[in-house]
All heavy atoms as atom14 arrays in JSON, in Angstrom:
{
  "sequence": "SVAGESDRLEDTINYSAVSKLVLAKVEQSQRYTV",
  "atom14_mask": [
    [1, 1, 1, 1, 1, 1, 0, 0, 0, 0, 0, 0, 0, 0],
    [1, 1, 1, 1, 1, 1, 1, 0, 0, 0, 0, 0, 0, 0],
    [1, 1, 1, 1, 1, 0, 0, 0, 0, 0, 0, 0, 0, 0],
    [1, 1, 1, 1, 0, 0, 0, 0, 0, 0, 0, 0, 0, 0],
    [1, 1, 1, 1, 1, 1, 1, 1, 1, 0, 0, 0, 0, 0],
    [1, 1, 1, 1, 1, 1, 0, 0, 0, 0, 0, 0, 0, 0],
    [1, 1, 1, 1, 1, 1, 1, 1, 0, 0, 0, 0, 0, 0],
    [1, 1, 1, 1, 1, 1, 1, 1, 1, 1, 1, 0, 0, 0],
    [1, 1, 1, 1, 1, 1, 1, 1, 0, 0, 0, 0, 0, 0],
    [1, 1, 1, 1, 1, 1, 1, 1, 1, 0, 0, 0, 0, 0],
    [1, 1, 1, 1, 1, 1, 1, 1, 0, 0, 0, 0, 0, 0],
    [1, 1, 1, 1, 1, 1, 1, 0, 0, 0, 0, 0, 0, 0],
    [1, 1, 1, 1, 1, 1, 1, 1, 0, 0, 0, 0, 0, 0],
    [1, 1, 1, 1, 1, 1, 1, 1, 0, 0, 0, 0, 0, 0],
    [1, 1, 1, 1, 1, 1, 1, 1, 1, 1, 1, 1, 0, 0],
    [1, 1, 1, 1, 1, 1, 0, 0, 0, 0, 0, 0, 0, 0],
    [1, 1, 1, 1, 1, 0, 0, 0, 0, 0, 0, 0, 0, 0],
    [1, 1, 1, 1, 1, 1, 1, 0, 0, 0, 0, 0, 0, 0],
    [1, 1, 1, 1, 1, 1, 0, 0, 0, 0, 0, 0, 0, 0],
    [1, 1, 1, 1, 1, 1, 1, 1, 1, 0, 0, 0, 0, 0],
    [1, 1, 1, 1, 1, 1, 1, 1, 0, 0, 0, 0, 0, 0],
    [1, 1, 1, 1, 1, 1, 1, 0, 0, 0, 0, 0, 0, 0],
    [1, 1, 1, 1, 1, 1, 1, 1, 0, 0, 0, 0, 0, 0],
    [1, 1, 1, 1, 1, 0, 0, 0, 0, 0, 0, 0, 0, 0],
    [1, 1, 1, 1, 1, 1, 1, 1, 1, 0, 0, 0, 0, 0],
    [1, 1, 1, 1, 1, 1, 1, 0, 0, 0, 0, 0, 0, 0],
    [1, 1, 1, 1, 1, 1, 1, 1, 1, 0, 0, 0, 0, 0],
    [1, 1, 1, 1, 1, 1, 1, 1, 1, 0, 0, 0, 0, 0],
    [1, 1, 1, 1, 1, 1, 0, 0, 0, 0, 0, 0, 0, 0],
    [1, 1, 1, 1, 1, 1, 1, 1, 1, 0, 0, 0, 0, 0],
    [1, 1, 1, 1, 1, 1, 1, 1, 1, 1, 1, 0, 0, 0],
    [1, 1, 1, 1, 1, 1, 1, 1, 1, 1, 1, 1, 0, 0],
    [1, 1, 1, 1, 1, 1, 1, 0, 0, 0, 0, 0, 0, 0],
    [1, 1, 1, 1, 1, 1, 1, 0, 0, 0, 0, 0, 0, 0]
  ],
  "atom14_positions": [
    [[42.06, 64.92, 124.3], [42.46, 65.39, 125.66], [42.71, 64.2, 126.64], [43.67, 64.31, 127.43], [41.48, 66.31, 126.28], [40.22, 65.79, 126.37], [0.0, 0.0, 0.0], [0.0, 0.0, 0.0], [0.0, 0.0, 0.0], [0.0, 0.0, 0.0], [0.0, 0.0, 0.0], [0.0, 0.0, 0.0], [0.0, 0.0, 0.0], [0.0, 0.0, 0.0]],
    [[41.99, 63.14, 126.58], [42.17, 62.02, 127.44], [43.55, 61.42, 127.22], [44.36, 61.2, 128.14], [41.12, 60.92, 127.21], [41.49, 59.6, 128.0], [39.75, 61.45, 127.61], [0.0, 0.0, 0.0], [0.0, 0.0, 0.0], [0.0, 0.0, 0.0], [0.0, 0.0, 0.0], [0.0, 0.0, 0.0], [0.0, 0.0, 0.0], [0.0, 0.0, 0.0]],
    [[43.93, 61.19, 125.92], [45.3, 60.62, 125.62], [46.34, 61.65, 125.96], [47.42, 61.3, 126.33], [45.33, 60.27, 124.08], [0.0, 0.0, 0.0], [0.0, 0.0, 0.0], [0.0, 0.0, 0.0], [0.0, 0.0, 0.0], [0.0, 0.0, 0.0], [0.0, 0.0, 0.0], [0.0, 0.0, 0.0], [0.0, 0.0, 0.0], [0.0, 0.0, 0.0]],
    [[46.05, 62.94, 125.8], [47.01, 64.01, 126.15], [47.38, 63.93, 127.65], [48.47, 64.21, 128.0], [0.0, 0.0, 0.0], [0.0, 0.0, 0.0], [0.0, 0.0, 0.0], [0.0, 0.0, 0.0], [0.0, 0.0, 0.0], [0.0, 0.0, 0.0], [0.0, 0.0, 0.0], [0.0, 0.0, 0.0], [0.0, 0.0, 0.0], [0.0, 0.0, 0.0]],
    [[46.43, 63.53, 128.43], [46.63, 63.38, 129.92], [47.24, 62.01, 130.27], [48.15, 62.0, 131.07], [45.33, 63.65, 130.72], [44.84, 65.03, 130.67], [45.83, 66.11, 131.14], [46.46, 65.85, 132.19], [45.99, 67.07, 130.41], [0.0, 0.0, 0.0], [0.0, 0.0, 0.0], [0.0, 0.0, 0.0], [0.0, 0.0, 0.0], [0.0, 0.0, 0.0]],
    [[46.62, 61.04, 129.66], [47.1, 59.63, 130.08], [48.41, 59.1, 129.43], [49.06, 58.31, 129.99], [45.98, 58.63, 129.7], [45.93, 58.43, 128.33], [0.0, 0.0, 0.0], [0.0, 0.0, 0.0], [0.0, 0.0, 0.0], [0.0, 0.0, 0.0], [0.0, 0.0, 0.0], [0.0, 0.0, 0.0], [0.0, 0.0, 0.0], [0.0, 0.0, 0.0]],
    [[48.68, 59.68, 128.26], [49.83, 59.28, 127.49], [49.79, 57.77, 127.13], [50.79, 57.06, 126.99], [51.16, 59.55, 128.29], [52.41, 59.56, 127.38], [52.23, 59.67, 126.12], [53.47, 59.4, 127.89], [0.0, 0.0, 0.0], [0.0, 0.0, 0.0], [0.0, 0.0, 0.0], [0.0, 0.0, 0.0], [0.0, 0.0, 0.0], [0.0, 0.0, 0.0]],
    [[48.52, 57.26, 126.94], [48.35, 55.88, 126.61], [47.75, 55.71, 125.22], [46.81, 56.39, 124.8], [47.33, 55.26, 127.61], [47.9, 55.0, 129.03], [46.82, 54.78, 130.03], [45.63, 54.02, 129.5], [45.5, 52.66, 129.75], [46.36, 52.04, 130.45], [44.4, 52.1, 129.27], [0.0, 0.0, 0.0], [0.0, 0.0, 0.0], [0.0, 0.0, 0.0]],
    [[48.35, 54.82, 124.41], [48.0, 54.54, 123.06], [46.5, 54.13, 122.98], [45.75, 54.45, 122.07], [48.87, 53.51, 122.33], [48.56, 53.23, 120.85], [48.73, 54.5, 120.06], [49.46, 52.11, 120.35], [0.0, 0.0, 0.0], [0.0, 0.0, 0.0], [0.0, 0.0, 0.0], [0.0, 0.0, 0.0], [0.0, 0.0, 0.0], [0.0, 0.0, 0.0]],
    [[46.08, 53.38, 124.04], [44.69, 52.91, 124.04], [43.62, 54.02, 124.11], [42.46, 53.83, 123.83], [44.39, 51.97, 125.27], [45.39, 50.84, 125.42], [46.69, 51.25, 126.18], [46.71, 51.32, 127.38], [47.7, 51.54, 125.49], [0.0, 0.0, 0.0], [0.0, 0.0, 0.0], [0.0, 0.0, 0.0], [0.0, 0.0, 0.0], [0.0, 0.0, 0.0]],
    [[44.06, 55.21, 124.51], [43.15, 56.32, 124.67], [43.11, 57.19, 123.43], [42.4, 58.21, 123.46], [43.55, 57.18, 125.88], [43.34, 56.41, 127.15], [42.5, 55.55, 127.21], [44.05, 56.71, 128.15], [0.0, 0.0, 0.0], [0.0, 0.0, 0.0], [0.0, 0.0, 0.0], [0.0, 0.0, 0.0], [0.0, 0.0, 0.0], [0.0, 0.0, 0.0]],
    [[43.74, 56.76, 122.3], [43.71, 57.57, 121.13], [43.49, 56.61, 119.92], [43.15, 55.47, 120.12], [44.98, 58.43, 120.96], [44.75, 59.31, 119.89], [46.19, 57.58, 120.7], [0.0, 0.0, 0.0], [0.0, 0.0, 0.0], [0.0, 0.0, 0.0], [0.0, 0.0, 0.0], [0.0, 0.0, 0.0], [0.0, 0.0, 0.0], [0.0, 0.0, 0.0]],
    [[43.68, 57.09, 118.72], [43.43, 56.29, 117.5], [44.78, 55.9, 117.03], [45.74, 56.72, 116.94], [42.7, 57.15, 116.51], [41.21, 57.34, 116.99], [42.7, 56.49, 115.16], [40.43, 58.36, 116.2], [0.0, 0.0, 0.0], [0.0, 0.0, 0.0], [0.0, 0.0, 0.0], [0.0, 0.0, 0.0], [0.0, 0.0, 0.0], [0.0, 0.0, 0.0]],
    [[44.89, 54.66, 116.62], [46.2, 54.13, 116.1], [46.32, 54.55, 114.63], [45.54, 54.18, 113.77], [46.08, 52.62, 116.21], [47.39, 51.9, 115.71], [47.94, 52.32, 114.71], [47.82, 50.95, 116.51], [0.0, 0.0, 0.0], [0.0, 0.0, 0.0], [0.0, 0.0, 0.0], [0.0, 0.0, 0.0], [0.0, 0.0, 0.0], [0.0, 0.0, 0.0]],
    [[47.32, 55.39, 114.36], [47.52, 55.96, 113.06], [47.82, 54.94, 112.01], [47.41, 54.96, 110.86], [48.7, 56.98, 113.04], [48.67, 58.01, 114.12], [49.81, 58.57, 114.61], [47.45, 58.51, 114.66], [49.79, 59.55, 115.62], [47.43, 59.47, 115.62], [48.56, 60.04, 116.11], [48.57, 60.97, 117.08], [0.0, 0.0, 0.0], [0.0, 0.0, 0.0]],
    [[48.53, 53.9, 112.4], [48.93, 52.8, 111.53], [47.64, 51.99, 111.1], [47.51, 51.67, 109.91], [49.87, 51.85, 112.23], [50.28, 50.75, 111.38], [0.0, 0.0, 0.0], [0.0, 0.0, 0.0], [0.0, 0.0, 0.0], [0.0, 0.0, 0.0], [0.0, 0.0, 0.0], [0.0, 0.0, 0.0], [0.0, 0.0, 0.0], [0.0, 0.0, 0.0]],
    [[46.74, 51.82, 111.98], [45.53, 51.13, 111.68], [44.61, 51.99, 110.67], [44.07, 51.39, 109.78], [44.7, 50.85, 112.95], [0.0, 0.0, 0.0], [0.0, 0.0, 0.0], [0.0, 0.0, 0.0], [0.0, 0.0, 0.0], [0.0, 0.0, 0.0], [0.0, 0.0, 0.0], [0.0, 0.0, 0.0], [0.0, 0.0, 0.0], [0.0, 0.0, 0.0]],
    [[44.64, 53.29, 110.82], [43.94, 54.15, 109.92], [44.53, 54.08, 108.52], [43.79, 53.89, 107.55], [44.02, 55.65, 110.38], [43.5, 56.6, 109.3], [43.27, 55.84, 111.69], [0.0, 0.0, 0.0], [0.0, 0.0, 0.0], [0.0, 0.0, 0.0], [0.0, 0.0, 0.0], [0.0, 0.0, 0.0], [0.0, 0.0, 0.0], [0.0, 0.0, 0.0]],
    [[45.83, 54.08, 108.45], [46.6, 53.96, 107.19], [46.24, 52.72, 106.49], [45.92, 52.66, 105.27], [48.07, 54.13, 107.39], [48.74, 54.12, 106.22], [0.0, 0.0, 0.0], [0.0, 0.0, 0.0], [0.0, 0.0, 0.0], [0.0, 0.0, 0.0], [0.0, 0.0, 0.0], [0.0, 0.0, 0.0], [0.0, 0.0, 0.0], [0.0, 0.0, 0.0]],
    [[46.32, 51.57, 107.2], [46.07, 50.2, 106.69], [44.6, 50.1, 106.17], [44.33, 49.46, 105.11], [46.34, 49.09, 107.69], [47.78, 48.91, 107.88], [48.02, 47.78, 108.98], [49.57, 47.62, 109.16], [49.9, 47.15, 110.55], [0.0, 0.0, 0.0], [0.0, 0.0, 0.0], [0.0, 0.0, 0.0], [0.0, 0.0, 0.0], [0.0, 0.0, 0.0]],
    [[43.68, 50.68, 106.93], [42.27, 50.6, 106.5], [42.04, 51.37, 105.19], [41.36, 50.88, 104.33], [41.42, 51.23, 107.64], [39.94, 51.12, 107.58], [39.47, 49.68, 107.76], [39.28, 52.01, 108.7], [0.0, 0.0, 0.0], [0.0, 0.0, 0.0], [0.0, 0.0, 0.0], [0.0, 0.0, 0.0], [0.0, 0.0, 0.0], [0.0, 0.0, 0.0]],
    [[42.61, 52.57, 105.05], [42.53, 53.37, 103.9], [43.19, 52.62, 102.74], [42.57, 52.59, 101.63], [43.21, 54.78, 104.12], [43.3, 55.51, 102.8], [42.3, 55.58, 105.13], [0.0, 0.0, 0.0], [0.0, 0.0, 0.0], [0.0, 0.0, 0.0], [0.0, 0.0, 0.0], [0.0, 0.0, 0.0], [0.0, 0.0, 0.0], [0.0, 0.0, 0.0]],
    [[44.41, 52.12, 102.89], [45.09, 51.36, 101.87], [44.16, 50.22, 101.31], [44.05, 50.1, 100.07], [46.42, 50.84, 102.4], [47.61, 51.75, 102.28], [48.77, 51.18, 103.06], [48.03, 52.05, 100.84], [0.0, 0.0, 0.0], [0.0, 0.0, 0.0], [0.0, 0.0, 0.0], [0.0, 0.0, 0.0], [0.0, 0.0, 0.0], [0.0, 0.0, 0.0]],
    [[43.65, 49.44, 102.21], [42.87, 48.29, 101.83], [41.63, 48.71, 101.07], [41.29, 48.13, 99.97], [42.46, 47.48, 103.06], [0.0, 0.0, 0.0], [0.0, 0.0, 0.0], [0.0, 0.0, 0.0], [0.0, 0.0, 0.0], [0.0, 0.0, 0.0], [0.0, 0.0, 0.0], [0.0, 0.0, 0.0], [0.0, 0.0, 0.0], [0.0, 0.0, 0.0]],
    [[41.03, 49.76, 101.52], [39.77, 50.24, 100.82], [40.1, 50.76, 99.4], [39.39, 50.47, 98.43], [39.13, 51.43, 101.63], [37.82, 51.92, 101.08], [36.75, 50.91, 101.14], [35.44, 51.47, 100.73], [34.41, 50.4, 100.7], [0.0, 0.0, 0.0], [0.0, 0.0, 0.0], [0.0, 0.0, 0.0], [0.0, 0.0, 0.0], [0.0, 0.0, 0.0]],
    [[41.16, 51.53, 99.25], [41.6, 52.07, 97.99], [41.97, 50.99, 97.03], [41.57, 50.95, 95.84], [42.73, 53.06, 98.09], [43.22, 53.48, 96.69], [42.26, 54.36, 98.84], [0.0, 0.0, 0.0], [0.0, 0.0, 0.0], [0.0, 0.0, 0.0], [0.0, 0.0, 0.0], [0.0, 0.0, 0.0], [0.0, 0.0, 0.0], [0.0, 0.0, 0.0]],
    [[42.71, 50.01, 97.49], [43.19, 48.88, 96.66], [42.09, 47.96, 96.1], [42.13, 47.56, 95.04], [44.26, 48.02, 97.41], [45.56, 48.75, 97.5], [46.52, 48.05, 98.46], [46.16, 46.97, 99.09], [47.62, 48.58, 98.66], [0.0, 0.0, 0.0], [0.0, 0.0, 0.0], [0.0, 0.0, 0.0], [0.0, 0.0, 0.0], [0.0, 0.0, 0.0]],
    [[41.01, 47.84, 96.95], [39.86, 47.04, 96.43], [38.74, 47.84, 95.75], [37.79, 47.29, 95.25], [39.35, 46.15, 97.51], [38.85, 46.79, 98.74], [37.29, 47.12, 98.78], [36.53, 46.21, 98.37], [36.93, 48.21, 99.24], [0.0, 0.0, 0.0], [0.0, 0.0, 0.0], [0.0, 0.0, 0.0], [0.0, 0.0, 0.0], [0.0, 0.0, 0.0]],
    [[38.9, 49.18, 95.8], [37.87, 50.1, 95.17], [37.98, 50.01, 93.66], [39.0, 49.76, 93.14], [38.14, 51.52, 95.71], [37.25, 52.36, 95.1], [0.0, 0.0, 0.0], [0.0, 0.0, 0.0], [0.0, 0.0, 0.0], [0.0, 0.0, 0.0], [0.0, 0.0, 0.0], [0.0, 0.0, 0.0], [0.0, 0.0, 0.0], [0.0, 0.0, 0.0]],
    [[36.88, 50.24, 93.01], [36.76, 50.25, 91.55], [36.01, 51.48, 91.14], [35.21, 51.35, 90.16], [36.15, 48.99, 91.03], [36.81, 47.63, 91.48], [37.81, 47.27, 90.39], [37.69, 47.26, 89.17], [38.99, 46.85, 90.89], [0.0, 0.0, 0.0], [0.0, 0.0, 0.0], [0.0, 0.0, 0.0], [0.0, 0.0, 0.0], [0.0, 0.0, 0.0]],
    [[36.2, 52.57, 91.82], [35.36, 53.83, 91.55], [35.79, 54.47, 90.28], [36.96, 54.37, 89.76], [35.52, 54.75, 92.73], [34.79, 54.25, 93.95], [33.38, 53.92, 93.76], [32.52, 54.18, 94.82], [31.21, 54.42, 94.75], [30.58, 54.18, 93.65], [30.52, 54.66, 95.83], [0.0, 0.0, 0.0], [0.0, 0.0, 0.0], [0.0, 0.0, 0.0]],
    [[34.85, 55.24, 89.66], [35.06, 55.99, 88.47], [35.6, 57.37, 88.81], [36.32, 57.99, 88.05], [33.8, 56.14, 87.66], [33.42, 54.8, 87.01], [32.35, 54.07, 87.59], [34.01, 54.37, 85.86], [32.02, 52.85, 87.0], [33.69, 53.17, 85.28], [32.68, 52.38, 85.85], [32.32, 51.16, 85.27], [0.0, 0.0, 0.0], [0.0, 0.0, 0.0]],
    [[35.24, 57.9, 89.95], [35.65, 59.25, 90.37], [36.28, 59.4, 91.73], [36.01, 58.5, 92.6], [34.4, 60.24, 90.41], [33.52, 59.72, 91.52], [33.67, 60.23, 89.07], [0.0, 0.0, 0.0], [0.0, 0.0, 0.0], [0.0, 0.0, 0.0], [0.0, 0.0, 0.0], [0.0, 0.0, 0.0], [0.0, 0.0, 0.0], [0.0, 0.0, 0.0]],
    [[37.16, 60.31, 91.86], [37.78, 60.54, 93.18], [36.77, 60.98, 94.14], [36.9, 60.75, 95.35], [38.99, 61.54, 93.04], [40.17, 60.89, 92.41], [38.62, 62.85, 92.42], [0.0, 0.0, 0.0], [0.0, 0.0, 0.0], [0.0, 0.0, 0.0], [0.0, 0.0, 0.0], [0.0, 0.0, 0.0], [0.0, 0.0, 0.0], [0.0, 0.0, 0.0]]
  ]
}
């Protein structure tokens, strides 16, 4: 709701950063199961 009112990226979560974090984790993971 804060970002909804302010229209500022700083008030929400950066989708690109989430994607990069997930990619990095999966690429270095060596898990046996999903």
